[in-house]
C-alpha atoms as a PDB file:
ATOM      1  CA  MET A   1       0.000   0.000   0.000  1.00  0.00           C
ATOM      2  CA  ALA A   2       1.008   3.587  -0.511  1.00  0.00           C
ATOM      3  CA  PRO A   3       2.562   5.285   2.523  1.00  0.00           C
ATOM      4  CA  SER A   4      -0.376   7.712   2.568  1.00  0.00           C
ATOM      5  CA  ASP A   5      -2.814   4.779   2.871  1.00  0.00           C
ATOM      6  CA  LYS A   6      -0.825   3.261   5.729  1.00  0.00           C
ATOM      7  CA  GLU A   7      -0.958   6.617   7.497  1.00  0.00           C
ATOM      8  CA  VAL A   8      -4.743   6.858   7.106  1.00  0.00           C
ATOM      9  CA  LEU A   9      -5.257   3.251   8.250  1.00  0.00           C
ATOM     10  CA  ALA A  10      -3.190   3.952  11.384  1.00  0.00           C
ATOM     11  CA  ARG A  11      -5.813   6.492  12.488  1.00  0.00           C
ATOM     12  CA  GLU A  12      -8.090   4.887  15.077  1.00  0.00           C
ATOM     13  CA  ASP A  13     -11.101   6.954  13.978  1.00  0.00           C
ATOM     14  CA  PHE A  14     -10.710   5.925  10.353  1.00  0.00           C
ATOM     15  CA  ALA A  15     -10.010   2.279  11.236  1.00  0.00           C
ATOM     16  CA  GLU A  16     -13.266   2.112  13.207  1.00  0.00           C
ATOM     17  CA  VAL A  17     -15.302   3.623  10.364  1.00  0.00           C
ATOM     18  CA  LEU A  18     -13.658   1.206   7.919  1.00  0.00           C
ATOM     19  CA  ARG A  19     -14.425  -1.819  10.132  1.00  0.00           C
ATOM     20  CA  GLU A  20     -18.070  -0.802  10.450  1.00  0.00           C
ATOM     21  CA  SER A  21     -18.384  -0.010   6.740  1.00  0.00           C
ATOM     22  CA  VAL A  22     -16.932  -3.313   5.545  1.00  0.00           C
ATOM     23  CA  LEU A  23     -19.192  -5.268   7.900  1.00  0.00           C
ATOM     24  CA  GLU A  24     -22.245  -3.418   6.589  1.00  0.00           C
ATOM     25  CA  GLU A  25     -21.340  -3.528   2.902  1.00  0.00           C
ATOM     26  CA  THR A  26     -20.735  -7.278   3.011  1.00  0.00           C
ATOM     27  CA  ARG A  27     -23.700  -8.131   5.246  1.00  0.00           C
ATOM     28  CA  ASN A  28     -25.533  -9.756   2.305  1.00  0.00           C
ATOM     29  CA  GLY A  29     -22.421 -11.103   0.602  1.00  0.00           C
ATOM     30  CA  VAL A  30     -19.506  -9.808  -1.384  1.00  0.00           C
ATOM     31  CA  TRP A  31     -21.135  -9.722  -4.834  1.00  0.00           C
ATOM     32  CA  GLY A  32     -21.374  -5.929  -4.989  1.00  0.00           C
ATOM     33  CA  TRP A  33     -17.653  -5.767  -4.325  1.00  0.00           C
ATOM     34  CA  VAL A  34     -17.054  -8.431  -6.978  1.00  0.00           C
ATOM     35  CA  ASP A  35     -19.154  -6.484  -9.515  1.00  0.00           C
ATOM     36  CA  ASP A  36     -17.130  -3.370  -8.735  1.00  0.00           C
ATOM     37  CA  ASP A  37     -13.884  -5.211  -9.512  1.00  0.00           C
ATOM     38  CA  ILE A  38     -15.303  -6.758 -12.679  1.00  0.00           C
ATOM     39  CA  ALA A  39     -16.052  -3.211 -13.876  1.00  0.00           C
ATOM     40  CA  PHE A  40     -12.287  -2.778 -14.427  1.00  0.00           C
ATOM     41  CA  ILE A  41     -12.343  -5.223 -17.310  1.00  0.00           C
ATOM     42  CA  THR A  42     -15.875  -5.506 -18.721  1.00  0.00           C
ATOM     43  CA  PRO A  43     -18.272  -3.089 -20.431  1.00  0.00           C
ATOM     44  CA  TRP A  44     -20.627  -1.220 -18.128  1.00  0.00           C
ATOM     45  CA  GLY A  45     -23.706  -1.589 -20.293  1.00  0.00           C
ATOM     46  CA  PHE A  46     -23.914   2.078 -21.287  1.00  0.00           C
ATOM     47  CA  ASP A  47     -21.731   4.664 -23.008  1.00  0.00           C
ATOM     48  CA  LEU A  48     -20.088   6.984 -20.500  1.00  0.00           C
ATOM     49  CA  SER A  49     -20.099   9.752 -23.111  1.00  0.00           C
ATOM     50  CA  THR A  50     -23.905   9.948 -22.727  1.00  0.00           C
ATOM     51  CA  ILE A  51     -23.664  11.135 -19.112  1.00  0.00           C
ATOM     52  CA  THR A  52     -25.091  14.655 -18.872  1.00  0.00           C
ATOM     53  CA  VAL A  53     -25.124  15.283 -15.114  1.00  0.00           C
ATOM     54  CA  PRO A  54     -22.158  16.760 -13.233  1.00  0.00           C
ATOM     55  CA  VAL A  55     -19.604  14.096 -12.319  1.00  0.00           C
ATOM     56  CA  GLN A  56     -16.535  14.332 -10.140  1.00  0.00           C
ATOM     57  CA  VAL A  57     -13.832  11.719 -10.708  1.00  0.00           C
ATOM     58  CA  ARG A  58     -11.288  11.182  -7.925  1.00  0.00           C
ATOM     59  CA  TYR A  59      -8.281   8.908  -8.025  1.00  0.00           C
ATOM     60  CA  GLY A  60      -4.818   8.603  -6.567  1.00  0.00           C
ATOM     61  CA  THR A  61      -1.811   7.975  -8.741  1.00  0.00           C
ATOM     62  CA  SER A  62      -0.236   5.844  -5.966  1.00  0.00           C
ATOM     63  CA  ASP A  63      -3.328   3.645  -5.578  1.00  0.00           C
ATOM     64  CA  VAL A  64      -2.479  -0.068  -5.644  1.00  0.00           C
ATOM     65  CA  LEU A  65      -6.095  -1.226  -5.194  1.00  0.00           C
ATOM     66  CA  VAL A  66      -7.708   0.556  -8.150  1.00  0.00           C
ATOM     67  CA  PRO A  67      -5.373   1.159 -11.073  1.00  0.00           C
ATOM     68  CA  PRO A  68      -4.880   4.899 -11.694  1.00  0.00           C
ATOM     69  CA  ALA A  69      -5.444   4.134 -15.382  1.00  0.00           C
ATOM     70  CA  HIS A  70      -9.057   3.281 -14.483  1.00  0.00           C
ATOM     71  CA  GLY A  71      -9.590   6.770 -13.036  1.00  0.00           C
ATOM     72  CA  GLU A  72      -7.904   8.297 -16.082  1.00  0.00           C
ATOM     73  CA  TRP A  73     -10.186   6.271 -18.375  1.00  0.00           C
ATOM     74  CA  ILE A  74     -13.347   7.377 -16.557  1.00  0.00           C
ATOM     75  CA  ALA A  75     -12.144  10.990 -16.468  1.00  0.00           C
ATOM     76  CA  GLY A  76     -11.557  10.930 -20.215  1.00  0.00           C
ATOM     77  CA  ALA A  77     -14.828   9.171 -21.027  1.00  0.00           C
ATOM     78  CA  VAL A  78     -17.278  11.341 -19.053  1.00  0.00           C
ATOM     79  CA  PRO A  79     -17.892  14.672 -20.794  1.00  0.00           C
ATOM     80  CA  GLY A  80     -17.026  17.657 -18.625  1.00  0.00           C
ATOM     81  CA  ALA A  81     -15.963  15.541 -15.656  1.00  0.00           C
ATOM     82  CA  ASP A  82     -14.413  17.457 -12.783  1.00  0.00           C
ATOM     83  CA  VAL A  83     -11.196  15.473 -12.327  1.00  0.00           C
ATOM     84  CA  ARG A  84      -9.354  15.425  -9.003  1.00  0.00           C
ATOM     85  CA  SER A  85      -6.230  13.303  -8.908  1.00  0.00           C
ATOM     86  CA  SER A  86      -3.475  13.297  -6.346  1.00  0.00           C
ATOM     87  CA  GLY A  87      -0.213  11.525  -5.730  1.00  0.00           C
ATOM     88  CA  LEU A  88      -1.859   9.738  -2.815  1.00  0.00           C
ATOM     89  CA  GLY A  89      -3.142   6.182  -2.564  1.00  0.00           C
ATOM     90  CA  HIS A  90      -6.589   4.609  -2.507  1.00  0.00           C
ATOM     91  CA  LEU A  91      -7.777   6.435   0.597  1.00  0.00           C
ATOM     92  CA  GLY A  92      -6.563   9.890  -0.425  1.00  0.00           C
ATOM     93  CA  ASP A  93      -6.752  12.494   2.328  1.00  0.00           C
ATOM     94  CA  PRO A  94     -10.119  11.660   3.931  1.00  0.00           C
ATOM     95  CA  ASP A  95     -10.512  14.941   5.812  1.00  0.00           C
ATOM     96  CA  ALA A  96      -9.557  17.310   2.978  1.00  0.00           C
ATOM     97  CA  ASP A  97     -11.343  15.178   0.365  1.00  0.00           C
ATOM     98  CA  LEU A  98     -14.583  15.246   2.367  1.00  0.00           C
ATOM     99  CA  VAL A  99     -14.521  19.027   2.700  1.00  0.00           C
ATOM    100  CA  GLU A 100     -13.710  19.447  -0.994  1.00  0.00           C
ATOM    101  CA  SER A 101     -16.367  16.954  -2.128  1.00  0.00           C
ATOM    102  CA  LEU A 102     -19.066  18.516   0.038  1.00  0.00           C
ATOM    103  CA  ALA A 103     -18.194  21.968  -1.317  1.00  0.00           C
ATOM    104  CA  TRP A 104     -18.436  20.628  -4.883  1.00  0.00           C
ATOM    105  CA  LEU A 105     -21.749  18.886  -4.205  1.00  0.00           C
ATOM    106  CA  THR A 106     -23.315  21.981  -2.675  1.00  0.00           C
ATOM    107  CA  ALA A 107     -21.985  24.529  -5.186  1.00  0.00           C
ATOM    108  CA  ASP A 108     -24.569  26.275  -7.333  1.00  0.00           C
ATOM    109  CA  ASP A 109     -22.939  25.102 -10.560  1.00  0.00           C
ATOM    110  CA  ALA A 110     -22.651  21.379  -9.591  1.00  0.00           C
END
């Protein structure tokens, strides 16, 4: 894992949220997670260029869990996507990313 991910995972507050989230998201099985991984290599069933709503794409160039090329592909395929990439790993900077995402979601032009 990227050093930035190890740093985030060492935070007790984040570790607790992650434990609770994984338990909840896998309560009925892991098939949603499997489908998410399959999306790296199979068609999605629609053309991303037809998306007309605002989309923000976030990815870390040091991510070892989701290939950065996948974020680049989505960013290039969705018209007008607001692309936010960083040199961080999969978890980014949870505090700063949350503030930035909430500001984007609540902006008048989003």
